C-alpha cells in the first residue's frame, strides 16, 4: 500500500527545558498546568488543546508522565489522564493503552500495578483517571455525571511552523478488519469536517496536531476526524465500512528542513 503524504507549511516541535509562564515543573522535567475540571475525557483534552493553541504551544492531557506529579496532589483530587483505548479490538490486551501525546502513535504496555480495573467484574472502559483517595489509576468511562475530575495539561514545546510533511497509512498503528464501533461507551472524540475529497479531509487533519486519524465516506463525501485519541468510526455514521476509508497519522510532523 502506498502511504498518503500531505505537505503543508507548519513547524518543527521546539523543546524547552524551562517551563513557560503558568506551567509548573515536575520532579523529572515535564511542565504541567492545571485548568480546572471537566465532565468528560474529550472535554478535558479540548481544554488542553485550546490552552496550548492560544499560546502557540503543544499542550495535551498528561498521561504517561502522570506518575511524576500525582504524588503531589491533595487528597480526594481526582484527575483525567491521557491513557485511552478507543481503538481496542476484542483480542487486545487490557494492559495496552494509547496516550494522547500526538508524538506517541503506538500503544504501550502498562504494568497492571499502575492501571487497575475499577472493579473486579465490569465492562472494560476506554480511559483512565487518577483516584485522589487511594492514589491509584483506574480505567474509567469517557463521561461522568457524578465526578468532576481535574484537568492537568502537559507542555510539549512550540506548535509546528515551517515546511513539513505528514504521513498517513491505512494499517497504522494496527490492521483493523472492522473499523466500525457499535459500542457507544467506546465512541472517541470525533468531529465531522466538510471535505469534498479524502485529500482535503487529510489536509484539514494535518493542519491540526490534535487530529489523530480520519475516516472518509467516498459515496457520501463525509469526513470524520478522530481528535486527541485514535478511535474506531462510530456506527452513527455507518453500519457498514464498505465505501469508507481509514487513514491514521504515523508520527508527529517531520520537518522538510531537517531531512
Protein backbone atom coordinates (compact mmCIF):
# COMPACT_ATOMS: atom_id res chain seq x y z
CA UNK A 1 0.00 0.00 0.00
CA UNK A 2 1.31 3.46 -0.90
CA UNK A 3 1.28 5.88 2.05
CA UNK A 4 -0.54 9.16 1.63
CA UNK A 5 1.55 12.25 2.34
CA UNK A 6 0.20 15.70 2.97
CA UNK A 7 2.60 18.63 2.62
CA UNK A 8 1.86 21.87 4.41
CA UNK A 9 3.64 24.87 5.84
CA UNK A 10 3.93 24.32 9.58
CA UNK A 11 6.64 23.95 12.28
CA UNK A 12 9.13 21.77 13.98
CA UNK A 13 8.47 20.99 17.59
CA UNK A 14 10.84 23.04 19.69
CA UNK A 15 11.61 21.56 23.07
CA UNK A 16 12.27 23.75 26.08
CA UNK A 17 13.98 22.89 29.33
CA UNK A 18 12.29 25.70 31.24
CA UNK A 19 8.58 25.85 31.82
CA UNK A 20 6.60 28.63 30.12
CA UNK A 21 4.55 31.03 32.28
CA UNK A 22 1.72 29.35 34.25
CA UNK A 23 3.22 25.87 33.87
CA UNK A 24 4.84 24.18 36.87
CA UNK A 25 7.84 21.83 36.64
CA UNK A 26 7.57 18.24 37.84
CA UNK A 27 10.28 16.18 39.52
CA UNK A 28 11.60 14.72 36.26
CA UNK A 29 11.09 17.55 33.81
CA UNK A 30 7.60 17.76 32.22
CA UNK A 31 5.81 21.07 32.71
CA UNK A 32 2.20 20.88 33.93
CA UNK A 33 -0.65 23.38 34.21
CA UNK A 34 -3.96 22.79 36.00
CA UNK A 35 -7.01 24.16 34.17
CA UNK A 36 -9.93 23.22 36.40
CA UNK A 37 -12.37 20.33 35.98
CA UNK A 38 -14.25 18.57 33.17
CA UNK A 39 -17.13 16.12 32.96
CA UNK A 40 -15.67 14.19 30.02
CA UNK A 41 -12.39 12.91 28.67
CA UNK A 42 -12.94 14.70 25.35
CA UNK A 43 -13.76 17.93 27.16
CA UNK A 44 -10.56 17.66 29.19
CA UNK A 45 -8.50 17.09 26.03
CA UNK A 46 -10.16 20.08 24.34
CA UNK A 47 -9.32 22.31 27.30
CA UNK A 48 -5.64 21.42 26.99
CA UNK A 49 -5.58 21.84 23.22
CA UNK A 50 -7.23 25.26 23.33
CA UNK A 51 -4.99 26.44 26.17
CA UNK A 52 -1.92 25.48 24.15
CA UNK A 53 -3.21 26.89 20.85
CA UNK A 54 -3.82 30.31 22.40
CA UNK A 55 -0.12 30.37 23.35
CA UNK A 56 1.20 28.55 20.27
CA UNK A 57 2.12 25.60 22.46
CA UNK A 58 1.60 21.89 22.03
CA UNK A 59 -0.42 21.04 25.15
CA UNK A 60 -2.19 17.78 25.87
CA UNK A 61 -3.81 15.91 28.74
CA UNK A 62 -0.96 14.36 30.72
CA UNK A 63 -0.75 10.57 30.52
CA UNK A 64 2.43 8.53 30.53
CA UNK A 65 4.23 11.13 32.67
CA UNK A 66 1.43 11.46 35.22
CA UNK A 67 3.28 9.39 37.83
CA UNK A 68 5.79 12.24 38.11
CA UNK A 69 3.31 14.59 39.72
CA UNK A 70 0.31 12.63 41.05
CA UNK A 71 2.10 12.10 44.38
CA UNK A 72 1.85 15.85 44.97
CA UNK A 73 -1.93 16.04 44.50
CA UNK A 74 -4.06 16.73 47.54
CA UNK A 75 -6.36 14.05 48.97
CA UNK A 76 -9.56 13.40 47.01
CA UNK A 77 -8.20 15.27 43.99
CA UNK A 78 -9.27 13.10 41.02
CA UNK A 79 -7.81 13.78 37.59
CA UNK A 80 -8.37 12.76 33.99
CA UNK A 81 -5.34 11.10 32.39
CA UNK A 82 -4.35 10.81 28.73
CA UNK A 83 -4.32 7.00 28.58
CA UNK A 84 -7.02 5.62 26.29
CA UNK A 85 -8.08 2.52 24.38
CA UNK A 86 -10.82 3.68 22.00
CA UNK A 87 -9.04 1.75 19.24
CA UNK A 88 -9.32 -1.50 21.15
CA UNK A 89 -10.39 -4.74 19.48
CA UNK A 90 -11.62 -7.90 21.22
CA UNK A 91 -8.22 -9.61 21.14
CA UNK A 92 -6.23 -6.68 22.54
CA UNK A 93 -4.73 -6.90 25.99
CA UNK A 94 -6.22 -4.80 28.80
CA UNK A 95 -2.68 -3.60 29.51
CA UNK A 96 -2.20 -1.98 26.07
CA UNK A 97 -3.00 1.72 26.20
CA UNK A 98 -2.55 4.67 23.87
CA UNK A 99 -1.56 8.16 25.01
CA UNK A 100 -2.97 11.49 23.79
CA UNK A 101 0.51 12.95 23.33
CA UNK A 102 0.46 13.29 19.50
CA UNK A 103 4.13 12.30 19.41
CA UNK A 104 3.10 8.84 20.68
CA UNK A 105 1.30 6.94 17.92
CA UNK A 106 1.57 3.32 19.05
CA UNK A 107 0.14 1.53 22.08
CA UNK A 108 2.28 0.96 25.12
CA UNK A 109 2.21 -1.87 27.62
CA UNK A 110 1.30 -0.53 31.07
CA UNK A 111 2.12 -2.57 34.16
CA UNK A 112 -1.08 -3.93 35.77
CA UNK A 113 0.03 -2.45 39.07
CA UNK A 114 -0.14 1.04 37.50
CA UNK A 115 -3.56 0.99 35.80
CA UNK A 116 -6.11 -1.16 37.59
CA UNK A 117 -9.62 -2.25 36.75
CA UNK A 118 -12.15 -0.12 38.58
CA UNK A 119 -13.99 -3.26 39.76
CA UNK A 120 -13.26 -6.97 39.66
CA UNK A 121 -16.18 -7.71 37.31
CA UNK A 122 -17.16 -4.95 34.91
CA UNK A 123 -17.22 -3.92 31.30
CA UNK A 124 -13.89 -2.60 30.11
CA UNK A 125 -13.69 1.18 29.98
CA UNK A 126 -11.87 3.37 27.46
CA UNK A 127 -9.96 5.94 29.54
CA UNK A 128 -8.13 6.33 32.86
CA UNK A 129 -8.47 8.59 35.87
CA UNK A 130 -6.27 9.18 38.88
CA UNK A 131 -8.17 8.46 42.10
CA UNK A 132 -7.21 11.03 44.70
CA UNK A 133 -8.49 8.92 47.59
CA UNK A 134 -6.12 5.96 47.24
CA UNK A 135 -3.56 7.48 44.86
CA UNK A 136 -4.12 4.83 42.15
CA UNK A 137 -5.03 4.91 38.46
CA UNK A 138 -8.19 3.13 37.25
CA UNK A 139 -9.93 2.57 33.94
CA UNK A 140 -12.97 4.79 33.69
CA UNK A 141 -15.87 5.89 31.49
CA UNK A 142 -15.27 8.68 28.96
CA UNK A 143 -18.02 10.79 30.53
CA UNK A 144 -19.24 11.18 34.09
CA UNK A 145 -22.11 12.94 35.84
CA UNK A 146 -21.03 12.15 39.39
CA UNK A 147 -17.42 13.32 39.31
CA UNK A 148 -15.61 16.40 38.04
CA UNK A 149 -12.02 15.19 37.66
CA UNK A 150 -9.34 17.84 37.38
CA UNK A 151 -7.56 18.61 34.12
CA UNK A 152 -3.75 18.71 34.05
CA UNK A 153 -2.13 19.63 30.75
CA UNK A 154 1.43 18.81 29.79
CA UNK A 155 3.61 21.18 27.77
CA UNK A 156 5.16 19.62 24.67
CA UNK A 157 7.03 22.54 23.13
CA UNK A 158 6.02 25.02 20.47
CA UNK A 159 3.42 24.15 17.87
CA UNK A 160 4.78 23.32 14.42
CA UNK A 161 5.68 26.01 11.87
CA UNK A 162 7.72 25.88 8.68
CA UNK A 163 7.66 23.26 5.93
CA UNK A 164 6.84 19.72 6.95
CA UNK A 165 5.14 16.57 5.77
CA UNK A 166 2.65 14.21 7.37
CA UNK A 167 2.40 10.52 6.53
CA UNK A 168 -0.86 8.57 6.75
CA UNK A 169 -1.38 4.82 6.49
CA UNK A 170 -4.40 2.55 6.41
CA UNK A 171 -2.71 -0.04 8.63
CA UNK A 172 -1.40 2.28 11.33
CA UNK A 173 -1.00 1.59 14.19
CA UNK A 174 -2.54 -1.85 13.51
CA UNK A 175 -4.54 -3.69 10.87
CA UNK A 176 -8.27 -3.44 11.59
CA UNK A 177 -10.55 -5.99 9.96
CA UNK A 178 -13.57 -3.94 11.01
CA UNK A 179 -13.24 -0.28 11.98
CA UNK A 180 -16.90 0.34 12.90
CA UNK A 181 -17.57 0.87 16.61
CA UNK A 182 -21.02 -0.26 17.74
CA UNK A 183 -20.46 0.29 21.46
CA UNK A 184 -21.33 3.92 22.36
CA UNK A 185 -19.18 3.63 25.50
CA UNK A 186 -16.15 3.43 23.22
CA UNK A 187 -17.01 6.27 20.85
CA UNK A 188 -13.99 8.55 20.71
CA UNK A 189 -13.69 12.32 20.33
CA UNK A 190 -14.93 12.60 16.76
CA UNK A 191 -15.59 15.69 14.68
CA UNK A 192 -17.25 15.83 11.27
CA UNK A 193 -15.49 18.14 8.79
CA UNK A 194 -16.60 19.48 5.42
CA UNK A 195 -14.40 17.98 2.69
CA UNK A 196 -15.11 17.07 -0.94
CA UNK A 197 -12.29 14.51 -1.17
CA UNK A 198 -10.14 12.32 1.04
CA UNK A 199 -7.15 14.53 0.21
CA UNK A 200 -8.96 17.61 1.53
CA UNK A 201 -10.05 15.61 4.58
CA UNK A 202 -6.40 14.67 5.21
CA UNK A 203 -5.13 18.21 4.67
CA UNK A 204 -7.51 19.52 7.31
CA UNK A 205 -6.42 16.78 9.69
CA UNK A 206 -2.78 17.68 9.07
CA UNK A 207 -3.45 21.31 9.96
CA UNK A 208 -4.50 20.22 13.45
CA UNK A 209 -1.93 18.30 15.52
CA UNK A 210 -4.78 17.11 17.76
CA UNK A 211 -6.30 15.15 14.85
CA UNK A 212 -5.04 11.56 15.11
CA UNK A 213 -6.85 9.77 12.29
CA UNK A 214 -9.62 10.22 9.75
CA UNK A 215 -12.42 8.34 8.04
CA UNK A 216 -13.81 9.30 4.68
CA UNK A 217 -17.00 8.06 3.05
CA UNK A 218 -16.36 8.23 -0.66
CA UNK A 219 -20.00 7.82 -1.61
CA UNK A 220 -21.34 10.34 0.89
CA UNK A 221 -18.30 12.70 0.99
CA UNK A 222 -18.39 12.62 4.79
CA UNK A 223 -15.10 13.38 6.55
CA UNK A 224 -14.71 12.40 10.20
CA UNK A 225 -11.67 13.37 12.25
CA UNK A 226 -10.72 11.47 15.41
CA UNK A 227 -9.41 14.09 17.79
CA UNK A 228 -6.88 13.64 20.61
CA UNK A 229 -7.11 9.84 20.61
CA UNK A 230 -7.32 7.42 17.71
CA UNK A 231 -10.63 5.56 17.64
CA UNK A 232 -12.93 3.42 15.57
CA UNK A 233 -15.66 5.04 13.48
CA UNK A 234 -18.95 5.32 15.43
CA UNK A 235 -21.83 3.32 13.99
CA UNK A 236 -23.86 6.55 13.97
CA UNK A 237 -22.10 7.35 10.67
CA UNK A 238 -22.47 3.97 9.01
CA UNK A 239 -23.18 0.36 9.90
CA UNK A 240 -21.04 -0.94 7.04
CA UNK A 241 -17.47 0.09 6.30
CA UNK A 242 -17.90 -0.51 2.55
CA UNK A 243 -17.15 2.77 0.75
CA UNK A 244 -15.28 4.18 3.75
CA UNK A 245 -11.53 4.57 4.13
CA UNK A 246 -9.49 4.99 7.29
CA UNK A 247 -6.13 6.80 7.44
CA UNK A 248 -4.09 7.35 10.59
CA UNK A 249 -1.08 9.55 11.23
CA UNK A 250 2.08 7.51 11.62
CA UNK A 251 4.13 10.08 13.52
CA UNK A 252 4.40 13.67 14.61
CA UNK A 253 5.14 16.04 11.68
CA UNK A 254 8.57 15.71 10.08
CA UNK A 255 10.23 18.99 9.06
CA UNK A 256 11.27 19.21 5.44
CA UNK A 257 14.16 21.38 6.64
CA UNK A 258 15.50 18.53 8.81
CA UNK A 259 15.59 15.95 6.01
